[in-house]
Protein backbone atom coordinates (compact mmCIF):
# COMPACT_ATOMS: atom_id res chain seq x y z
CA UNK A 1 12.77 6.68 13.11
CA UNK A 2 11.91 2.97 13.39
CA UNK A 3 8.19 3.77 13.55
CA UNK A 4 8.46 6.12 10.57
CA UNK A 5 10.26 3.51 8.44
CA UNK A 6 7.78 0.77 9.23
CA UNK A 7 4.92 3.17 8.53
CA UNK A 8 6.50 3.98 5.16
CA UNK A 9 6.92 0.31 4.40
CA UNK A 10 3.35 -0.44 5.44
CA UNK A 11 1.96 2.39 3.40
CA UNK A 12 3.67 1.29 0.24
CA UNK A 13 2.91 -2.27 0.94
CA UNK A 14 -0.77 -1.80 1.23
CA UNK A 15 -1.79 -0.87 -2.27
CA UNK A 16 -1.68 -3.43 -5.05
CA UNK A 17 -2.32 -7.03 -6.97
CA UNK A 18 -4.48 -9.93 -7.69
CA UNK A 19 -3.28 -10.34 -11.29
CA UNK A 20 -0.73 -8.45 -13.36
CA UNK A 21 -2.23 -5.73 -15.48
CA UNK A 22 -1.37 -5.72 -19.15
CA UNK A 23 -2.73 -2.36 -20.30
CA UNK A 24 -4.01 0.94 -18.97
CA UNK A 25 -6.63 0.41 -16.27
CA UNK A 26 -9.43 2.57 -14.92
CA UNK A 27 -7.42 2.81 -11.67
CA UNK A 28 -4.36 4.45 -13.27
CA UNK A 29 -3.24 7.76 -11.83
CA UNK A 30 -2.24 9.22 -8.47
CA UNK A 31 -3.82 7.98 -5.21
CA UNK A 32 -3.59 9.32 -1.64
CA UNK A 33 -3.54 6.70 1.10
CA UNK A 34 -4.18 6.84 4.83
CA UNK A 35 -2.97 3.97 7.01
CA UNK A 36 -4.34 3.39 10.48
CA UNK A 37 -2.60 1.13 13.00
CA UNK A 38 -5.01 -0.96 15.04
CA UNK A 39 -2.51 -3.37 16.63
CA UNK A 40 1.16 -3.02 17.44
CA UNK A 41 3.62 -0.25 18.24
CA UNK A 42 3.61 1.70 14.94
CA UNK A 43 2.62 5.26 14.16
CA UNK A 44 -1.16 5.64 14.78
CA UNK A 45 -1.77 7.03 11.27
CA UNK A 46 0.32 7.72 8.22
CA UNK A 47 -0.47 9.45 4.93
CA UNK A 48 1.20 8.30 1.73
CA UNK A 49 0.89 8.77 -2.05
CA UNK A 50 1.39 6.24 -4.84
CA UNK A 51 0.89 6.17 -8.59
CA UNK A 52 -0.84 3.45 -10.60
CA UNK A 53 0.36 2.97 -14.20
CA UNK A 54 -1.04 0.15 -16.31
CA UNK A 55 -2.21 -1.47 -13.07
CA UNK A 56 1.25 -1.38 -11.47
CA UNK A 57 1.48 0.55 -8.20
CA UNK A 58 4.70 2.48 -7.62
CA UNK A 59 6.39 4.93 -5.32
CA UNK A 60 9.47 6.84 -6.58
CA UNK A 61 11.60 6.29 -3.44
CA UNK A 62 11.16 2.56 -2.81
CA UNK A 63 13.08 -0.12 -4.71
CA UNK A 64 11.80 -3.34 -3.10
CA UNK A 65 8.13 -2.71 -3.73
CA UNK A 66 5.67 -4.89 -5.66
CA UNK A 67 2.12 -3.79 -6.16
CA UNK A 68 -0.64 -4.38 -8.68
CA UNK A 69 -4.29 -3.57 -9.22
CA UNK A 70 -6.38 -6.18 -11.04
CA UNK A 71 -9.03 -5.09 -13.54
CA UNK A 72 -11.62 -6.02 -10.88
CA UNK A 73 -10.07 -3.45 -8.50
CA UNK A 74 -8.52 -6.08 -6.21
CA UNK A 75 -5.18 -4.87 -4.92
CA UNK A 76 -2.18 -6.56 -3.31
CA UNK A 77 1.27 -5.23 -2.50
CA UNK A 78 4.38 -5.85 -0.47
CA UNK A 79 7.44 -3.81 0.42
CA UNK A 80 10.75 -4.43 2.16
CA UNK A 81 12.85 -1.63 3.68
CA UNK A 82 15.93 -3.03 5.45
CA UNK A 83 14.61 -5.43 8.13
CA UNK A 84 11.06 -4.10 7.80
CA UNK A 85 8.37 -5.79 5.72
CA UNK A 86 4.71 -5.03 5.05
CA UNK A 87 1.97 -6.40 2.86
CA UNK A 88 -1.61 -5.49 2.22
CA UNK A 89 -4.74 -6.37 0.31
CA UNK A 90 -7.95 -4.59 -0.52
CA UNK A 91 -10.07 -3.19 -3.30
CA UNK A 92 -10.29 0.04 -5.28
CA UNK A 93 -13.48 1.41 -6.76
CA UNK A 94 -13.73 4.34 -9.15
CA UNK A 95 -12.36 6.99 -6.78
CA UNK A 96 -11.91 5.31 -3.37
CA UNK A 97 -10.55 2.14 -1.83
CA UNK A 98 -9.95 0.29 1.39
CA UNK A 99 -8.15 -2.73 2.73
CA UNK A 100 -5.98 -4.20 5.46
CA UNK A 101 -2.25 -4.42 6.09
CA UNK A 102 0.17 -6.38 8.28
CA UNK A 103 3.87 -5.93 8.81
CA UNK A 104 6.88 -6.26 11.03
CA UNK A 105 10.07 -4.47 12.00
CA UNK A 106 12.33 -7.18 13.35
CA UNK A 107 10.21 -9.02 15.93
CA UNK A 108 7.72 -6.17 16.35
CA UNK A 109 4.37 -6.79 14.58
CA UNK A 110 1.74 -4.25 13.49
CA UNK A 111 -1.52 -4.35 11.56
CA UNK A 112 -4.47 -2.18 10.63
CA UNK A 113 -6.50 -0.85 7.73
CA UNK A 114 -5.93 1.57 4.87
CA UNK A 115 -8.17 3.85 2.83
CA UNK A 116 -7.48 5.35 -0.59
CA UNK A 117 -8.75 8.41 -2.42
CA UNK A 118 -7.98 9.18 -6.07
CA UNK A 119 -5.91 12.38 -6.22
CA UNK A 120 -6.79 15.23 -8.55
């Protein structure tokens, strides 16, 4: 359960901001994400979906989530779920994206990379 929660936090945390978007962006819409753990004791991979609306990245089940996509495609996000925290940065292009994430669950640390694919 602990690994699943940190993976969820990391997944949400990894897509979103460099600057706040003010209007509809070319990145708006649904995105599928894959997170890969390279260091730490977290799930090896995790698949997750988010939605981008006016440059703001959201997930319907997470309250403490902040994520944004800049007009340039630069993304930054963070999420907190109980004692778990994750953040990530990267870049989206027209239909794909990639970046890195780091996080912790209590004293346990994990990190890796994420990839994104625009959903149909």
